[in-house]
Amino acid sequence: MRGWFRLCFAIFILSLWPALATAADISTLLPASGAAAGRVWRETKPRAYQPDNLWNYIDGGADLFLAYGFINLTGADYIRPGADAKPITVDIYDMGAPLQAFGIFAAERAGAWKAASIGAQGYVGGPLIAFWKDRYYVKIAVLDDDMEAGRKLAEAVAERISGKAALPAELARLPLQKRLADSERYVKKGALGHKFLNEVISADYRLMKGAATLNMANFETPKAAQAAWQKLRAFEQQAGKNLKAVNDLGAVAFAARDSYYGEMITACQGRFLLIATSEKAGRKSLYFLARQTISEARGIR
C-alpha cells in the first residue's frame, strides 16, 4: 500500500513539474542586486503573483491579463543609493506563449510612445519602458526620471530571456506589403465586439484612400469559421447597410457598411475568417487587400 501511495504521489509531483519549474525559473530573469547598469540596487525581495491574486497588485487591470492567459508575475524594485532616489519597478509577466505575450504588449501600448529596440518589440512612453520576448511581457516604471538606468535594466532582463527576438509566427499569415509598422495586434477573445470572434490577429494597411485594418480569426475547423461568418453576416444584415455578396472571393464572402467600422469585406478561407474594414477606403481597395491575403499569405489554406 505504501509503495502504491508513493508512486501516486510521485506521479502527482511530476504532473506539477512544468508549472513549478516555470514559477522557479522566472525569478532568475531579474537582474542581481547592484549588477544592473552599475547604478541601481535591488531594494525589495522579489514579489510573486498568480491568477488568483493578481488583482491585489494591478487591481482593475487583472482581467485583461487573465484574458490573455496570464500564468504568473515576478518583480522587484531597484533603487540607487541616496536619500532622494526613487525606485525603478521591474515586473515580468509570464503569459504562457509568445503570441499571448505579444497580445498583451500590443493591447497596453497606447498614447504617446516611441519604439525601442528591446526584446522582440519594445517602446518607451512617459516613465514606462515595456517590451515582450518569447512568453514574457516586461514592464519597467522609472519613477526617478533616470531613463538610462531603466533602459539598462530592461536590456538586462531581455538578455536573460532565451528565445528569438521575433514577431509571433502567426503574424506571417498577414501580408507584408503596405502593412504599417508596429500596427500588429492579437485579440484572444471578443474581437470587433463580437463574442464569436476569438483568436484574431490583425494589422493596419496603407491603401490609396486611407488606412484599413485586416483581421484574421483562427478557428479549429472550416465549419466553425463558416458558422462565425454566418453570425457576422446576420449581424450586418440587421445593423449594417448595403450588404452584398462578393462572389469572386468565394461562396462565403460579403461586403457591407458597418455602423462603427465603416466599409467591410469578409471571406472564409479554410478555417480562417478574414475581415477587412476601413472608414475611408472603398470596397474595391478592401477587396484587393482580402484577395492579396488569400493569394499570398502563408499558412491559411
C-alpha atoms as a PDB file:
ATOM      1  CA  MET A   1       0.000   0.000   0.000  1.00  0.00           C
ATOM      2  CA  ARG A   2       2.808   2.392   0.921  1.00  0.00           C
ATOM      3  CA  GLY A   3       4.529   1.697  -2.382  1.00  0.00           C
ATOM      4  CA  TRP A   4       1.332   2.488  -4.284  1.00  0.00           C
ATOM      5  CA  PHE A   5       0.901   5.719  -2.328  1.00  0.00           C
ATOM      6  CA  ARG A   6       4.482   6.781  -3.063  1.00  0.00           C
ATOM      7  CA  LEU A   7       4.005   6.021  -6.745  1.00  0.00           C
ATOM      8  CA  CYS A   8       0.806   8.109  -6.900  1.00  0.00           C
ATOM      9  CA  PHE A   9       2.474  10.958  -5.046  1.00  0.00           C
ATOM     10  CA  ALA A  10       5.452  10.885  -7.419  1.00  0.00           C
ATOM     11  CA  ILE A  11       3.148  10.982 -10.443  1.00  0.00           C
ATOM     12  CA  PHE A  12       1.281  13.935  -8.919  1.00  0.00           C
ATOM     13  CA  ILE A  13       4.511  15.880  -8.358  1.00  0.00           C
ATOM     14  CA  LEU A  14       5.709  15.147 -11.886  1.00  0.00           C
ATOM     15  CA  SER A  15       2.406  16.422 -13.277  1.00  0.00           C
ATOM     16  CA  LEU A  16       3.016  19.728 -11.499  1.00  0.00           C
ATOM     17  CA  TRP A  17       6.660  19.961 -12.568  1.00  0.00           C
ATOM     18  CA  PRO A  18       6.204  22.282 -15.607  1.00  0.00           C
ATOM     19  CA  ALA A  19       4.288  24.828 -13.529  1.00  0.00           C
ATOM     20  CA  LEU A  20       6.723  24.555 -10.602  1.00  0.00           C
ATOM     21  CA  ALA A  21       9.698  24.925 -12.907  1.00  0.00           C
ATOM     22  CA  THR A  22       8.178  27.982 -14.549  1.00  0.00           C
ATOM     23  CA  ALA A  23       7.442  29.608 -11.195  1.00  0.00           C
ATOM     24  CA  ALA A  24      11.004  28.946 -10.012  1.00  0.00           C
ATOM     25  CA  ASP A  25      12.780  29.953 -13.205  1.00  0.00           C
ATOM     26  CA  ILE A  26      11.060  33.288 -13.780  1.00  0.00           C
ATOM     27  CA  SER A  27      12.735  34.870 -10.734  1.00  0.00           C
ATOM     28  CA  THR A  28      16.138  34.255 -12.343  1.00  0.00           C
ATOM     29  CA  LEU A  29      15.203  36.754 -15.045  1.00  0.00           C
ATOM     30  CA  LEU A  30      15.521  39.582 -12.522  1.00  0.00           C
ATOM     31  CA  PRO A  31      18.949  41.276 -12.579  1.00  0.00           C
ATOM     32  CA  ALA A  32      21.032  40.679  -9.480  1.00  0.00           C
ATOM     33  CA  SER A  33      21.385  43.358  -6.834  1.00  0.00           C
ATOM     34  CA  GLY A  34      23.852  46.024  -7.844  1.00  0.00           C
ATOM     35  CA  ALA A  35      24.608  44.350 -11.174  1.00  0.00           C
ATOM     36  CA  ALA A  36      22.109  46.119 -13.393  1.00  0.00           C
ATOM     37  CA  ALA A  37      23.507  49.238 -15.019  1.00  0.00           C
ATOM     38  CA  GLY A  38      26.070  49.505 -12.218  1.00  0.00           C
ATOM     39  CA  ARG A  39      23.874  52.249 -10.795  1.00  0.00           C
ATOM     40  CA  VAL A  40      20.794  50.678  -9.251  1.00  0.00           C
ATOM     41  CA  TRP A  41      20.326  48.123  -6.498  1.00  0.00           C
ATOM     42  CA  ARG A  42      17.514  45.765  -5.742  1.00  0.00           C
ATOM     43  CA  GLU A  43      15.632  47.259  -2.811  1.00  0.00           C
ATOM     44  CA  THR A  44      12.972  44.626  -2.214  1.00  0.00           C
ATOM     45  CA  LYS A  45      12.748  40.867  -2.297  1.00  0.00           C
ATOM     46  CA  PRO A  46      11.123  39.544  -5.468  1.00  0.00           C
ATOM     47  CA  ARG A  47       7.334  39.673  -5.386  1.00  0.00           C
ATOM     48  CA  ALA A  48       5.172  36.997  -6.953  1.00  0.00           C
ATOM     49  CA  TYR A  49       1.540  36.839  -8.073  1.00  0.00           C
ATOM     50  CA  GLN A  50      -0.626  34.167  -9.645  1.00  0.00           C
ATOM     51  CA  PRO A  51      -4.014  34.304 -11.416  1.00  0.00           C
ATOM     52  CA  ASP A  52      -5.948  34.046  -8.140  1.00  0.00           C
ATOM     53  CA  ASN A  53      -4.358  37.121  -6.554  1.00  0.00           C
ATOM     54  CA  LEU A  54      -3.145  39.294  -9.442  1.00  0.00           C
ATOM     55  CA  TRP A  55      -5.865  41.853  -8.725  1.00  0.00           C
ATOM     56  CA  ASN A  56      -4.148  42.549  -5.390  1.00  0.00           C
ATOM     57  CA  TYR A  57      -1.317  44.071  -7.404  1.00  0.00           C
ATOM     58  CA  ILE A  58      -2.849  45.646 -10.510  1.00  0.00           C
ATOM     59  CA  ASP A  59      -6.485  45.730  -9.390  1.00  0.00           C
ATOM     60  CA  GLY A  60      -8.684  46.660 -12.379  1.00  0.00           C
ATOM     61  CA  GLY A  61      -6.049  45.632 -14.919  1.00  0.00           C
ATOM     62  CA  ALA A  62      -6.014  41.973 -13.887  1.00  0.00           C
ATOM     63  CA  ASP A  63      -8.947  40.936 -16.079  1.00  0.00           C
ATOM     64  CA  LEU A  64      -7.132  41.903 -19.275  1.00  0.00           C
ATOM     65  CA  PHE A  65      -4.059  39.898 -18.308  1.00  0.00           C
ATOM     66  CA  LEU A  66      -6.141  36.888 -17.339  1.00  0.00           C
ATOM     67  CA  ALA A  67      -7.946  37.054 -20.687  1.00  0.00           C
ATOM     68  CA  TYR A  68      -4.583  36.738 -22.435  1.00  0.00           C
ATOM     69  CA  GLY A  69      -3.552  33.650 -20.459  1.00  0.00           C
ATOM     70  CA  PHE A  70      -1.522  35.114 -17.582  1.00  0.00           C
ATOM     71  CA  ILE A  71       0.351  32.446 -15.579  1.00  0.00           C
ATOM     72  CA  ASN A  72       2.409  34.321 -13.003  1.00  0.00           C
ATOM     73  CA  LEU A  73       4.328  37.508 -12.265  1.00  0.00           C
ATOM     74  CA  THR A  74       7.616  38.203 -10.557  1.00  0.00           C
ATOM     75  CA  GLY A  75       9.037  41.627  -9.907  1.00  0.00           C
ATOM     76  CA  ALA A  76      11.264  43.737  -7.714  1.00  0.00           C
ATOM     77  CA  ASP A  77      12.110  47.362  -7.025  1.00  0.00           C
ATOM     78  CA  TYR A  78      15.574  48.748  -7.770  1.00  0.00           C
ATOM     79  CA  ILE A  79      16.916  51.941  -6.235  1.00  0.00           C
ATOM     80  CA  ARG A  80      20.103  53.951  -6.469  1.00  0.00           C
ATOM     81  CA  PRO A  81      21.982  54.801  -3.261  1.00  0.00           C
ATOM     82  CA  GLY A  82      20.918  58.220  -1.998  1.00  0.00           C
ATOM     83  CA  ALA A  83      18.213  59.670   0.186  1.00  0.00           C
ATOM     84  CA  ASP A  84      16.261  61.260  -2.674  1.00  0.00           C
ATOM     85  CA  ALA A  85      16.378  58.301  -5.047  1.00  0.00           C
ATOM     86  CA  LYS A  86      13.101  56.724  -6.130  1.00  0.00           C
ATOM     87  CA  PRO A  87      12.685  53.087  -7.125  1.00  0.00           C
ATOM     88  CA  ILE A  88      12.637  51.627 -10.610  1.00  0.00           C
ATOM     89  CA  THR A  89       9.966  48.926 -10.672  1.00  0.00           C
ATOM     90  CA  VAL A  90      10.562  45.810 -12.778  1.00  0.00           C
ATOM     91  CA  ASP A  91       7.644  43.439 -13.418  1.00  0.00           C
ATOM     92  CA  ILE A  92       7.912  40.277 -15.532  1.00  0.00           C
ATOM     93  CA  TYR A  93       4.650  38.644 -16.633  1.00  0.00           C
ATOM     94  CA  ASP A  94       4.715  35.034 -17.811  1.00  0.00           C
ATOM     95  CA  MET A  95       1.908  34.898 -20.374  1.00  0.00           C
ATOM     96  CA  GLY A  96       2.371  31.257 -21.341  1.00  0.00           C
ATOM     97  CA  ALA A  97       3.130  31.695 -25.053  1.00  0.00           C
ATOM     98  CA  PRO A  98       4.793  34.256 -27.361  1.00  0.00           C
ATOM     99  CA  LEU A  99       1.521  35.162 -29.099  1.00  0.00           C
ATOM    100  CA  GLN A 100      -0.133  35.925 -25.763  1.00  0.00           C
ATOM    101  CA  ALA A 101       2.831  37.970 -24.543  1.00  0.00           C
ATOM    102  CA  PHE A 102       2.735  39.929 -27.791  1.00  0.00           C
ATOM    103  CA  GLY A 103      -1.033  40.344 -27.461  1.00  0.00           C
ATOM    104  CA  ILE A 104      -0.967  41.959 -24.027  1.00  0.00           C
ATOM    105  CA  PHE A 105       2.007  44.107 -25.074  1.00  0.00           C
ATOM    106  CA  ALA A 106       0.101  45.447 -28.084  1.00  0.00           C
ATOM    107  CA  ALA A 107      -3.123  45.864 -26.078  1.00  0.00           C
ATOM    108  CA  GLU A 108      -1.417  48.045 -23.467  1.00  0.00           C
ATOM    109  CA  ARG A 109       0.588  50.093 -25.962  1.00  0.00           C
ATOM    110  CA  ALA A 110      -1.376  53.325 -26.179  1.00  0.00           C
ATOM    111  CA  GLY A 111      -0.971  57.079 -26.081  1.00  0.00           C
ATOM    112  CA  ALA A 112       2.335  58.726 -26.979  1.00  0.00           C
ATOM    113  CA  TRP A 113       5.100  56.124 -27.271  1.00  0.00           C
ATOM    114  CA  LYS A 114       8.349  55.620 -29.124  1.00  0.00           C
ATOM    115  CA  ALA A 115       9.548  52.262 -30.416  1.00  0.00           C
ATOM    116  CA  ALA A 116      12.607  50.848 -28.657  1.00  0.00           C
ATOM    117  CA  SER A 117      14.880  48.001 -29.773  1.00  0.00           C
ATOM    118  CA  ILE A 118      14.472  45.818 -26.693  1.00  0.00           C
ATOM    119  CA  GLY A 119      13.457  42.158 -26.818  1.00  0.00           C
ATOM    120  CA  ALA A 120      11.207  41.259 -29.725  1.00  0.00           C
ATOM    121  CA  GLN A 121       9.436  44.628 -29.589  1.00  0.00           C
ATOM    122  CA  GLY A 122       9.624  47.442 -27.094  1.00  0.00           C
ATOM    123  CA  TYR A 123       8.563  51.012 -26.505  1.00  0.00           C
ATOM    124  CA  VAL A 124       9.093  53.957 -24.204  1.00  0.00           C
ATOM    125  CA  GLY A 125       6.105  56.022 -23.158  1.00  0.00           C
ATOM    126  CA  GLY A 126       6.443  58.592 -20.388  1.00  0.00           C
ATOM    127  CA  PRO A 127       8.050  56.914 -17.357  1.00  0.00           C
ATOM    128  CA  LEU A 128       7.322  53.418 -18.699  1.00  0.00           C
ATOM    129  CA  ILE A 129       9.586  51.067 -20.636  1.00  0.00           C
ATOM    130  CA  ALA A 130       7.852  47.924 -21.896  1.00  0.00           C
ATOM    131  CA  PHE A 131       8.826  45.020 -24.125  1.00  0.00           C
ATOM    132  CA  TRP A 132       7.999  41.411 -24.830  1.00  0.00           C
ATOM    133  CA  LYS A 133      10.153  38.439 -25.735  1.00  0.00           C
ATOM    134  CA  ASP A 134       9.242  34.778 -26.005  1.00  0.00           C
ATOM    135  CA  ARG A 135       6.432  34.132 -23.467  1.00  0.00           C
ATOM    136  CA  TYR A 136       7.237  37.149 -21.260  1.00  0.00           C
ATOM    137  CA  TYR A 137       5.880  40.687 -21.096  1.00  0.00           C
ATOM    138  CA  VAL A 138       8.068  43.091 -19.116  1.00  0.00           C
ATOM    139  CA  LYS A 139       7.115  46.499 -17.706  1.00  0.00           C
ATOM    140  CA  ILE A 140       9.612  48.867 -16.089  1.00  0.00           C
ATOM    141  CA  ALA A 141       8.350  52.002 -14.336  1.00  0.00           C
ATOM    142  CA  VAL A 142      11.055  54.635 -13.872  1.00  0.00           C
ATOM    143  CA  LEU A 143       9.909  56.869 -11.030  1.00  0.00           C
ATOM    144  CA  ASP A 144      13.099  58.911 -10.619  1.00  0.00           C
ATOM    145  CA  ASP A 145      13.451  60.017 -14.274  1.00  0.00           C
ATOM    146  CA  ASP A 146      16.658  58.004 -14.729  1.00  0.00           C
ATOM    147  CA  MET A 147      15.566  56.526 -18.055  1.00  0.00           C
ATOM    148  CA  GLU A 148      19.112  55.401 -18.854  1.00  0.00           C
ATOM    149  CA  ALA A 149      19.144  53.152 -15.784  1.00  0.00           C
ATOM    150  CA  GLY A 150      15.662  51.910 -16.662  1.00  0.00           C
ATOM    151  CA  ARG A 151      16.752  51.128 -20.205  1.00  0.00           C
ATOM    152  CA  LYS A 152      19.770  49.164 -18.979  1.00  0.00           C
ATOM    153  CA  LEU A 153      17.576  47.209 -16.589  1.00  0.00           C
ATOM    154  CA  ALA A 154      15.238  46.383 -19.469  1.00  0.00           C
ATOM    155  CA  GLU A 155      18.147  45.215 -21.614  1.00  0.00           C
ATOM    156  CA  ALA A 156      19.499  43.115 -18.736  1.00  0.00           C
ATOM    157  CA  VAL A 157      16.141  41.335 -18.397  1.00  0.00           C
ATOM    158  CA  ALA A 158      15.858  40.827 -22.164  1.00  0.00           C
ATOM    159  CA  GLU A 159      19.303  39.196 -22.253  1.00  0.00           C
ATOM    160  CA  ARG A 160      18.186  36.693 -19.606  1.00  0.00           C
ATOM    161  CA  ILE A 161      15.172  35.592 -21.622  1.00  0.00           C
ATOM    162  CA  SER A 162      16.001  32.835 -24.060  1.00  0.00           C
ATOM    163  CA  GLY A 163      14.254  32.520 -27.409  1.00  0.00           C
ATOM    164  CA  LYS A 164      14.198  34.520 -30.598  1.00  0.00           C
ATOM    165  CA  ALA A 165      13.537  38.253 -30.669  1.00  0.00           C
ATOM    166  CA  ALA A 166      10.978  37.988 -33.465  1.00  0.00           C
ATOM    167  CA  LEU A 167       7.287  38.548 -34.079  1.00  0.00           C
ATOM    168  CA  PRO A 168       4.988  35.577 -33.429  1.00  0.00           C
ATOM    169  CA  ALA A 169       4.938  33.108 -36.314  1.00  0.00           C
ATOM    170  CA  GLU A 170       1.157  33.530 -36.625  1.00  0.00           C
ATOM    171  CA  LEU A 171       1.610  37.074 -37.964  1.00  0.00           C
ATOM    172  CA  ALA A 172       3.242  35.639 -41.085  1.00  0.00           C
ATOM    173  CA  ARG A 173      -0.307  34.859 -42.260  1.00  0.00           C
ATOM    174  CA  LEU A 174      -0.834  38.581 -42.808  1.00  0.00           C
ATOM    175  CA  PRO A 175       0.671  40.107 -45.969  1.00  0.00           C
ATOM    176  CA  LEU A 176       3.695  42.355 -45.532  1.00  0.00           C
ATOM    177  CA  GLN A 177       3.032  44.645 -48.493  1.00  0.00           C
ATOM    178  CA  LYS A 178       1.650  48.026 -47.358  1.00  0.00           C
ATOM    179  CA  ARG A 179       1.489  46.888 -43.714  1.00  0.00           C
ATOM    180  CA  LEU A 180       2.037  49.782 -41.318  1.00  0.00           C
ATOM    181  CA  ALA A 181       4.946  49.316 -38.919  1.00  0.00           C
ATOM    182  CA  ASP A 182       4.085  48.347 -35.342  1.00  0.00           C
ATOM    183  CA  SER A 183       0.373  48.088 -36.157  1.00  0.00           C
ATOM    184  CA  GLU A 184       0.078  44.345 -35.494  1.00  0.00           C
ATOM    185  CA  ARG A 185      -2.264  43.169 -32.751  1.00  0.00           C
ATOM    186  CA  TYR A 186      -3.696  39.976 -31.312  1.00  0.00           C
ATOM    187  CA  VAL A 187      -7.107  39.738 -29.644  1.00  0.00           C
ATOM    188  CA  LYS A 188      -7.708  36.488 -27.804  1.00  0.00           C
ATOM    189  CA  LYS A 189     -11.421  36.992 -27.134  1.00  0.00           C
ATOM    190  CA  GLY A 190     -14.236  39.155 -28.500  1.00  0.00           C
ATOM    191  CA  ALA A 191     -12.621  40.919 -31.452  1.00  0.00           C
ATOM    192  CA  LEU A 192     -14.625  43.707 -33.133  1.00  0.00           C
ATOM    193  CA  GLY A 193     -17.090  43.494 -30.252  1.00  0.00           C
ATOM    194  CA  HIS A 194     -18.342  40.005 -31.203  1.00  0.00           C
ATOM    195  CA  LYS A 195     -18.148  37.106 -28.738  1.00  0.00           C
ATOM    196  CA  PHE A 196     -17.809  34.626 -31.599  1.00  0.00           C
ATOM    197  CA  LEU A 197     -14.619  36.240 -32.972  1.00  0.00           C
ATOM    198  CA  ASN A 198     -11.686  34.859 -30.990  1.00  0.00           C
ATOM    199  CA  GLU A 199      -8.017  34.176 -31.698  1.00  0.00           C
ATOM    200  CA  VAL A 200      -7.769  37.163 -34.061  1.00  0.00           C
ATOM    201  CA  ILE A 201      -4.542  38.625 -35.425  1.00  0.00           C
ATOM    202  CA  SER A 202      -4.714  41.981 -37.184  1.00  0.00           C
ATOM    203  CA  ALA A 203      -2.665  44.779 -38.720  1.00  0.00           C
ATOM    204  CA  ASP A 204      -3.239  48.129 -40.401  1.00  0.00           C
ATOM    205  CA  TYR A 205      -2.514  48.773 -44.079  1.00  0.00           C
ATOM    206  CA  ARG A 206      -1.983  51.920 -46.110  1.00  0.00           C
ATOM    207  CA  LEU A 207      -4.335  51.966 -49.083  1.00  0.00           C
ATOM    208  CA  MET A 208      -4.842  54.646 -51.728  1.00  0.00           C
ATOM    209  CA  LYS A 209      -7.716  56.408 -49.983  1.00  0.00           C
ATOM    210  CA  GLY A 210      -6.852  55.790 -46.361  1.00  0.00           C
ATOM    211  CA  ALA A 211      -5.825  53.141 -43.885  1.00  0.00           C
ATOM    212  CA  ALA A 212      -7.558  49.800 -43.480  1.00  0.00           C
ATOM    213  CA  THR A 213      -7.461  47.068 -40.858  1.00  0.00           C
ATOM    214  CA  LEU A 214      -7.178  43.406 -41.760  1.00  0.00           C
ATOM    215  CA  ASN A 215      -8.410  40.928 -39.147  1.00  0.00           C
ATOM    216  CA  MET A 216      -7.903  37.174 -39.360  1.00  0.00           C
ATOM    217  CA  ALA A 217      -9.801  34.909 -36.975  1.00  0.00           C
ATOM    218  CA  ASN A 218      -8.460  31.394 -36.481  1.00  0.00           C
ATOM    219  CA  PHE A 219     -10.955  28.555 -35.892  1.00  0.00           C
ATOM    220  CA  GLU A 220     -10.459  24.857 -35.267  1.00  0.00           C
ATOM    221  CA  THR A 221     -12.277  23.804 -38.455  1.00  0.00           C
ATOM    222  CA  PRO A 222     -13.600  25.347 -41.699  1.00  0.00           C
ATOM    223  CA  LYS A 223     -17.117  24.562 -40.488  1.00  0.00           C
ATOM    224  CA  ALA A 224     -16.565  26.650 -37.337  1.00  0.00           C
ATOM    225  CA  ALA A 225     -15.198  29.530 -39.439  1.00  0.00           C
ATOM    226  CA  GLN A 226     -18.268  29.455 -41.698  1.00  0.00           C
ATOM    227  CA  ALA A 227     -20.575  29.382 -38.670  1.00  0.00           C
ATOM    228  CA  ALA A 228     -18.926  32.564 -37.351  1.00  0.00           C
ATOM    229  CA  TRP A 229     -19.202  34.121 -40.813  1.00  0.00           C
ATOM    230  CA  GLN A 230     -22.948  33.386 -40.791  1.00  0.00           C
ATOM    231  CA  LYS A 231     -23.310  35.108 -37.420  1.00  0.00           C
ATOM    232  CA  LEU A 232     -21.408  38.148 -38.675  1.00  0.00           C
ATOM    233  CA  ARG A 233     -23.498  38.267 -41.832  1.00  0.00           C
ATOM    234  CA  ALA A 234     -26.730  38.085 -39.800  1.00  0.00           C
ATOM    235  CA  PHE A 235     -25.486  40.942 -37.617  1.00  0.00           C
ATOM    236  CA  GLU A 236     -24.622  43.142 -40.598  1.00  0.00           C
ATOM    237  CA  GLN A 237     -27.959  42.381 -42.240  1.00  0.00           C
ATOM    238  CA  GLN A 238     -29.660  43.875 -39.197  1.00  0.00           C
ATOM    239  CA  ALA A 239     -27.269  46.603 -38.070  1.00  0.00           C
ATOM    240  CA  GLY A 240     -25.261  47.409 -41.214  1.00  0.00           C
ATOM    241  CA  LYS A 241     -26.098  48.733 -44.676  1.00  0.00           C
ATOM    242  CA  ASN A 242     -25.637  47.791 -48.336  1.00  0.00           C
ATOM    243  CA  LEU A 243     -24.827  44.138 -47.747  1.00  0.00           C
ATOM    244  CA  LYS A 244     -23.848  42.335 -50.955  1.00  0.00           C
ATOM    245  CA  ALA A 245     -22.232  39.034 -51.885  1.00  0.00           C
ATOM    246  CA  VAL A 246     -18.657  39.120 -53.182  1.00  0.00           C
ATOM    247  CA  ASN A 247     -18.663  36.037 -55.364  1.00  0.00           C
ATOM    248  CA  ASP A 248     -15.110  36.169 -56.692  1.00  0.00           C
ATOM    249  CA  LEU A 249     -13.709  35.846 -53.159  1.00  0.00           C
ATOM    250  CA  GLY A 250     -15.524  32.539 -52.779  1.00  0.00           C
ATOM    251  CA  ALA A 251     -19.019  31.397 -51.915  1.00  0.00           C
ATOM    252  CA  VAL A 252     -18.602  32.528 -48.306  1.00  0.00           C
ATOM    253  CA  ALA A 253     -17.895  36.251 -48.714  1.00  0.00           C
ATOM    254  CA  PHE A 254     -19.839  39.505 -48.411  1.00  0.00           C
ATOM    255  CA  ALA A 255     -19.385  43.271 -48.269  1.00  0.00           C
ATOM    256  CA  ALA A 256     -21.319  45.700 -46.069  1.00  0.00           C
ATOM    257  CA  ARG A 257     -21.226  49.117 -44.470  1.00  0.00           C
ATOM    258  CA  ASP A 258     -20.730  48.570 -40.754  1.00  0.00           C
ATOM    259  CA  SER A 259     -22.187  51.246 -38.488  1.00  0.00           C
ATOM    260  CA  TYR A 260     -18.948  51.512 -36.475  1.00  0.00           C
ATOM    261  CA  TYR A 261     -16.030  50.225 -38.580  1.00  0.00           C
ATOM    262  CA  GLY A 262     -17.113  51.570 -41.970  1.00  0.00           C
ATOM    263  CA  GLU A 263     -16.730  49.571 -45.152  1.00  0.00           C
ATOM    264  CA  MET A 264     -16.262  45.857 -44.535  1.00  0.00           C
ATOM    265  CA  ILE A 265     -15.395  42.843 -46.647  1.00  0.00           C
ATOM    266  CA  THR A 266     -15.344  39.344 -45.193  1.00  0.00           C
ATOM    267  CA  ALA A 267     -14.340  35.984 -46.628  1.00  0.00           C
ATOM    268  CA  CYS A 268     -13.723  32.470 -45.339  1.00  0.00           C
ATOM    269  CA  GLN A 269     -10.579  30.655 -46.347  1.00  0.00           C
ATOM    270  CA  GLY A 270     -10.334  27.213 -44.816  1.00  0.00           C
ATOM    271  CA  ARG A 271     -10.502  27.553 -41.040  1.00  0.00           C
ATOM    272  CA  PHE A 272      -9.776  31.293 -41.202  1.00  0.00           C
ATOM    273  CA  LEU A 273     -12.212  34.195 -41.414  1.00  0.00           C
ATOM    274  CA  LEU A 274     -10.860  37.399 -42.975  1.00  0.00           C
ATOM    275  CA  ILE A 275     -12.460  40.740 -42.116  1.00  0.00           C
ATOM    276  CA  ALA A 276     -11.126  43.902 -43.766  1.00  0.00           C
ATOM    277  CA  THR A 277     -12.521  47.244 -42.570  1.00  0.00           C
ATOM    278  CA  SER A 278     -11.923  50.926 -43.296  1.00  0.00           C
ATOM    279  CA  GLU A 279     -13.680  54.199 -42.586  1.00  0.00           C
ATOM    280  CA  LYS A 280     -12.187  55.890 -45.659  1.00  0.00           C
ATOM    281  CA  ALA A 281     -11.030  53.271 -48.149  1.00  0.00           C
ATOM    282  CA  GLY A 282     -13.643  51.946 -50.550  1.00  0.00           C
ATOM    283  CA  ARG A 283     -14.805  48.406 -51.108  1.00  0.00           C
ATOM    284  CA  LYS A 284     -12.611  47.976 -54.135  1.00  0.00           C
ATOM    285  CA  SER A 285      -9.456  48.609 -52.100  1.00  0.00           C
ATOM    286  CA  LEU A 286     -10.642  46.273 -49.354  1.00  0.00           C
ATOM    287  CA  TYR A 287     -11.411  43.626 -51.950  1.00  0.00           C
ATOM    288  CA  PHE A 288      -7.846  43.743 -53.270  1.00  0.00           C
ATOM    289  CA  LEU A 289      -6.476  43.549 -49.716  1.00  0.00           C
ATOM    290  CA  ALA A 290      -8.585  40.463 -48.984  1.00  0.00           C
ATOM    291  CA  ARG A 291      -7.626  38.855 -52.289  1.00  0.00           C
ATOM    292  CA  GLN A 292      -3.948  39.594 -51.690  1.00  0.00           C
ATOM    293  CA  THR A 293      -4.191  37.936 -48.277  1.00  0.00           C
ATOM    294  CA  ILE A 294      -5.801  34.819 -49.698  1.00  0.00           C
ATOM    295  CA  SER A 295      -3.319  34.505 -52.565  1.00  0.00           C
ATOM    296  CA  GLU A 296      -0.064  35.498 -50.839  1.00  0.00           C
ATOM    297  CA  ALA A 297      -0.235  34.945 -47.083  1.00  0.00           C
ATOM    298  CA  ARG A 298       1.265  31.754 -45.717  1.00  0.00           C
ATOM    299  CA  GLY A 299      -0.485  29.044 -43.753  1.00  0.00           C
ATOM    300  CA  ILE A 300      -4.159  29.902 -44.285  1.00  0.00           C
ATOM    301  CA  ARG A 301      -5.132  27.102 -46.625  1.00  0.00           C
END
